[in-house]
N, C-alpha and C. Protein backbone atom coordinates (compact mmCIF):
# COMPACT_ATOMS: atom_id res chain seq x y z
N UNK A 1 6.74 1.55 -15.30
CA UNK A 1 5.80 0.48 -15.55
C UNK A 1 5.61 -0.31 -14.26
N UNK A 2 4.37 -0.62 -13.96
CA UNK A 2 4.05 -1.38 -12.76
C UNK A 2 3.53 -2.75 -13.18
N UNK A 3 4.13 -3.80 -12.65
CA UNK A 3 3.68 -5.16 -12.94
C UNK A 3 3.22 -5.81 -11.65
N UNK A 4 2.09 -6.46 -11.71
CA UNK A 4 1.59 -7.18 -10.54
C UNK A 4 0.84 -8.41 -11.00
N UNK A 5 0.77 -9.39 -10.12
CA UNK A 5 0.16 -10.67 -10.49
C UNK A 5 -1.09 -10.98 -9.70
N UNK A 6 -1.89 -9.97 -9.40
CA UNK A 6 -3.11 -10.19 -8.62
C UNK A 6 -4.35 -10.00 -9.49
N UNK A 7 -5.37 -10.73 -9.15
CA UNK A 7 -6.67 -10.60 -9.79
C UNK A 7 -7.68 -10.20 -8.72
N UNK A 8 -8.77 -9.58 -9.12
CA UNK A 8 -9.82 -9.22 -8.18
C UNK A 8 -10.27 -10.47 -7.42
N UNK A 9 -10.36 -10.35 -6.10
CA UNK A 9 -10.77 -11.48 -5.27
C UNK A 9 -9.61 -12.26 -4.68
N UNK A 10 -8.37 -12.06 -5.19
CA UNK A 10 -7.21 -12.75 -4.63
C UNK A 10 -6.97 -12.28 -3.19
N UNK A 11 -6.45 -13.15 -2.37
CA UNK A 11 -6.12 -12.83 -0.99
C UNK A 11 -4.67 -12.39 -0.91
N UNK A 12 -4.41 -11.32 -0.15
CA UNK A 12 -3.06 -10.80 0.05
C UNK A 12 -2.72 -10.95 1.52
N UNK A 13 -1.63 -11.62 1.81
CA UNK A 13 -1.18 -11.83 3.19
C UNK A 13 -0.30 -10.67 3.64
N UNK A 14 -0.25 -10.45 4.93
CA UNK A 14 0.62 -9.42 5.49
C UNK A 14 2.06 -9.67 5.07
N UNK A 15 2.72 -8.65 4.52
CA UNK A 15 4.11 -8.75 4.11
C UNK A 15 4.34 -9.40 2.76
N UNK A 16 3.29 -9.85 2.10
CA UNK A 16 3.42 -10.54 0.81
C UNK A 16 3.81 -9.55 -0.28
N UNK A 17 4.78 -9.91 -1.09
CA UNK A 17 5.12 -9.11 -2.27
C UNK A 17 4.19 -9.54 -3.40
N UNK A 18 3.65 -8.56 -4.11
CA UNK A 18 2.71 -8.90 -5.17
C UNK A 18 2.95 -8.14 -6.45
N UNK A 19 3.99 -7.37 -6.53
CA UNK A 19 4.26 -6.64 -7.75
C UNK A 19 5.59 -5.93 -7.70
N UNK A 20 5.89 -5.21 -8.78
CA UNK A 20 7.14 -4.47 -8.87
C UNK A 20 6.91 -3.21 -9.69
N UNK A 21 7.56 -2.12 -9.27
CA UNK A 21 7.54 -0.86 -10.01
C UNK A 21 8.86 -0.81 -10.76
N UNK A 22 8.80 -0.78 -12.09
CA UNK A 22 10.01 -0.83 -12.90
C UNK A 22 10.34 0.54 -13.50
N UNK A 23 11.59 0.73 -13.80
CA UNK A 23 12.07 1.90 -14.54
C UNK A 23 11.74 3.23 -13.87
N UNK A 24 11.78 3.28 -12.55
CA UNK A 24 11.56 4.54 -11.84
C UNK A 24 10.15 5.07 -11.92
N UNK A 25 9.19 4.20 -12.17
CA UNK A 25 7.79 4.63 -12.22
C UNK A 25 7.36 5.18 -10.87
N UNK A 26 6.31 5.97 -10.90
CA UNK A 26 5.76 6.55 -9.68
C UNK A 26 4.51 5.79 -9.28
N UNK A 27 4.31 5.66 -7.98
CA UNK A 27 3.11 5.01 -7.48
C UNK A 27 2.49 5.90 -6.42
N UNK A 28 1.19 6.12 -6.51
CA UNK A 28 0.45 6.88 -5.50
C UNK A 28 -0.15 5.90 -4.51
N UNK A 29 0.04 6.15 -3.24
CA UNK A 29 -0.49 5.30 -2.18
C UNK A 29 -1.54 6.09 -1.43
N UNK A 30 -2.75 5.57 -1.38
CA UNK A 30 -3.84 6.24 -0.67
C UNK A 30 -3.95 5.65 0.73
N UNK A 31 -3.90 6.52 1.73
CA UNK A 31 -4.00 6.07 3.13
C UNK A 31 -5.03 6.93 3.85
N UNK A 32 -5.69 6.37 4.85
CA UNK A 32 -6.65 7.16 5.63
C UNK A 32 -5.94 8.29 6.37
N UNK A 33 -6.64 9.40 6.62
CA UNK A 33 -6.02 10.53 7.32
C UNK A 33 -5.53 10.18 8.72
N UNK A 34 -6.07 9.14 9.32
CA UNK A 34 -5.69 8.77 10.68
C UNK A 34 -4.37 8.00 10.77
N UNK A 35 -3.76 7.67 9.64
CA UNK A 35 -2.49 6.93 9.65
C UNK A 35 -1.37 7.86 10.11
N UNK A 36 -0.57 7.38 11.04
CA UNK A 36 0.62 8.11 11.49
C UNK A 36 1.76 7.75 10.53
N UNK A 37 2.13 8.69 9.65
CA UNK A 37 3.16 8.43 8.65
C UNK A 37 4.55 8.45 9.27
N UNK A 38 5.39 7.54 8.82
CA UNK A 38 6.79 7.46 9.27
C UNK A 38 7.75 8.00 8.24
N UNK A 39 7.26 8.44 7.08
CA UNK A 39 8.12 8.91 6.00
C UNK A 39 7.71 10.33 5.61
N UNK A 40 8.61 11.02 4.92
CA UNK A 40 8.36 12.38 4.45
C UNK A 40 8.27 12.40 2.94
N UNK A 41 7.59 13.41 2.41
CA UNK A 41 7.48 13.56 0.96
C UNK A 41 8.89 13.65 0.36
N UNK A 42 9.11 12.90 -0.71
CA UNK A 42 10.39 12.89 -1.40
C UNK A 42 11.42 11.92 -0.83
N UNK A 43 11.11 11.30 0.29
CA UNK A 43 12.03 10.35 0.91
C UNK A 43 12.09 9.07 0.08
N UNK A 44 13.26 8.49 -0.06
CA UNK A 44 13.42 7.22 -0.74
C UNK A 44 13.00 6.10 0.20
N UNK A 45 12.16 5.20 -0.30
CA UNK A 45 11.70 4.07 0.51
C UNK A 45 12.07 2.78 -0.20
N UNK A 46 12.11 1.70 0.55
CA UNK A 46 12.49 0.40 -0.01
C UNK A 46 11.43 -0.63 0.36
N UNK A 47 10.95 -1.34 -0.66
CA UNK A 47 9.91 -2.36 -0.46
C UNK A 47 10.37 -3.43 0.51
N UNK A 48 9.49 -3.78 1.43
CA UNK A 48 9.78 -4.83 2.38
C UNK A 48 10.69 -4.40 3.52
N UNK A 49 11.15 -3.15 3.51
CA UNK A 49 12.06 -2.65 4.53
C UNK A 49 11.51 -1.42 5.24
N UNK A 50 11.07 -0.42 4.46
CA UNK A 50 10.61 0.84 5.02
C UNK A 50 9.17 0.73 5.50
N UNK A 51 8.94 1.07 6.77
CA UNK A 51 7.58 1.13 7.31
C UNK A 51 7.05 2.52 6.98
N UNK A 52 6.02 2.58 6.13
CA UNK A 52 5.49 3.86 5.67
C UNK A 52 4.66 4.55 6.74
N UNK A 53 3.91 3.80 7.52
CA UNK A 53 3.05 4.39 8.54
C UNK A 53 2.43 3.32 9.40
N UNK A 54 1.69 3.76 10.39
CA UNK A 54 1.02 2.84 11.32
C UNK A 54 -0.43 3.23 11.48
N UNK A 55 -1.31 2.21 11.48
CA UNK A 55 -2.73 2.42 11.77
C UNK A 55 -2.91 2.51 13.28
N UNK A 56 -3.91 3.27 13.70
CA UNK A 56 -4.24 3.29 15.12
C UNK A 56 -4.78 1.92 15.49
N UNK A 57 -4.75 1.55 16.77
CA UNK A 57 -5.24 0.24 17.21
C UNK A 57 -6.68 0.01 16.80
N UNK A 58 -7.50 1.06 16.78
CA UNK A 58 -8.91 0.92 16.43
C UNK A 58 -9.08 0.52 14.97
N UNK A 59 -8.12 0.86 14.11
CA UNK A 59 -8.23 0.57 12.68
C UNK A 59 -7.39 -0.60 12.23
N UNK A 60 -6.50 -1.09 13.07
CA UNK A 60 -5.59 -2.15 12.66
C UNK A 60 -6.36 -3.41 12.29
N UNK A 61 -6.07 -3.97 11.11
CA UNK A 61 -6.71 -5.24 10.77
C UNK A 61 -6.15 -6.34 11.65
N UNK A 62 -6.97 -7.29 11.96
CA UNK A 62 -6.53 -8.42 12.79
C UNK A 62 -5.83 -9.43 11.91
N UNK A 63 -4.71 -9.02 11.35
CA UNK A 63 -3.97 -9.88 10.43
C UNK A 63 -2.97 -10.73 11.20
N UNK A 64 -2.83 -11.95 10.77
CA UNK A 64 -1.86 -12.86 11.35
C UNK A 64 -1.45 -13.81 10.24
N UNK A 65 -0.42 -14.62 10.46
CA UNK A 65 -0.02 -15.56 9.40
C UNK A 65 -1.16 -16.45 8.94
N UNK A 66 -2.15 -16.70 9.80
CA UNK A 66 -3.25 -17.58 9.41
C UNK A 66 -4.47 -16.82 8.90
N UNK A 67 -4.44 -15.50 9.00
CA UNK A 67 -5.58 -14.70 8.57
C UNK A 67 -5.11 -13.66 7.56
N UNK A 68 -5.76 -13.55 6.41
CA UNK A 68 -5.31 -12.59 5.40
C UNK A 68 -5.49 -11.16 5.87
N UNK A 69 -4.61 -10.28 5.40
CA UNK A 69 -4.69 -8.87 5.74
C UNK A 69 -5.70 -8.16 4.87
N UNK A 70 -5.88 -8.59 3.63
CA UNK A 70 -6.77 -7.89 2.72
C UNK A 70 -7.14 -8.78 1.56
N UNK A 71 -8.19 -8.38 0.87
CA UNK A 71 -8.60 -9.02 -0.36
C UNK A 71 -8.56 -7.98 -1.46
N UNK A 72 -8.03 -8.34 -2.61
CA UNK A 72 -7.92 -7.40 -3.72
C UNK A 72 -9.30 -7.08 -4.25
N UNK A 73 -9.56 -5.79 -4.46
CA UNK A 73 -10.82 -5.36 -5.05
C UNK A 73 -10.54 -4.50 -6.26
N UNK A 74 -11.53 -4.31 -7.09
CA UNK A 74 -11.40 -3.51 -8.31
C UNK A 74 -11.29 -2.05 -7.92
N UNK A 75 -10.15 -1.41 -8.23
CA UNK A 75 -9.96 0.00 -7.90
C UNK A 75 -9.93 0.86 -9.15
N UNK A 76 -10.34 0.32 -10.28
CA UNK A 76 -10.26 1.09 -11.53
C UNK A 76 -11.13 2.33 -11.51
N UNK A 77 -12.19 2.35 -10.69
CA UNK A 77 -13.06 3.51 -10.63
C UNK A 77 -12.63 4.50 -9.56
N UNK A 78 -11.60 4.16 -8.78
CA UNK A 78 -11.15 5.04 -7.70
C UNK A 78 -10.43 6.25 -8.26
N UNK A 79 -10.66 7.43 -7.67
CA UNK A 79 -9.96 8.63 -8.14
C UNK A 79 -8.49 8.57 -7.76
N UNK A 80 -7.66 9.23 -8.54
CA UNK A 80 -6.25 9.31 -8.25
C UNK A 80 -6.01 10.38 -7.19
N UNK A 81 -5.02 10.19 -6.38
CA UNK A 81 -4.70 11.16 -5.33
C UNK A 81 -3.28 11.64 -5.53
N UNK A 82 -3.09 12.93 -5.59
CA UNK A 82 -1.76 13.49 -5.76
C UNK A 82 -1.53 14.56 -4.70
N UNK A 83 -0.31 14.70 -4.28
CA UNK A 83 0.03 15.71 -3.29
C UNK A 83 -0.03 17.08 -3.93
N UNK A 84 -0.56 18.06 -3.19
CA UNK A 84 -0.61 19.42 -3.71
C UNK A 84 0.62 20.21 -3.29
N UNK A 85 1.49 19.61 -2.50
CA UNK A 85 2.71 20.30 -2.07
C UNK A 85 3.70 20.38 -3.21
N UNK A 86 4.48 21.46 -3.25
CA UNK A 86 5.48 21.58 -4.32
C UNK A 86 6.86 21.32 -3.83
């Protein structure tokens, strides 16, 4: 079960925690192909500790403590992405 406290239009700051995955639930993370991943499939990661990947300088958002990193948008129509690797 995934619980989060965001609504469409809410601002999310860099490093802000906004939810929790409970009871061993799975979460799919969609990233652009240009992201340099720091983790491998099946690797255990920890929220707020594990750096999953890095954006190239051309794609990095200009986020700072005074500027939000992102705004929440409605993703209910987005397709799910699953790894085809076994």
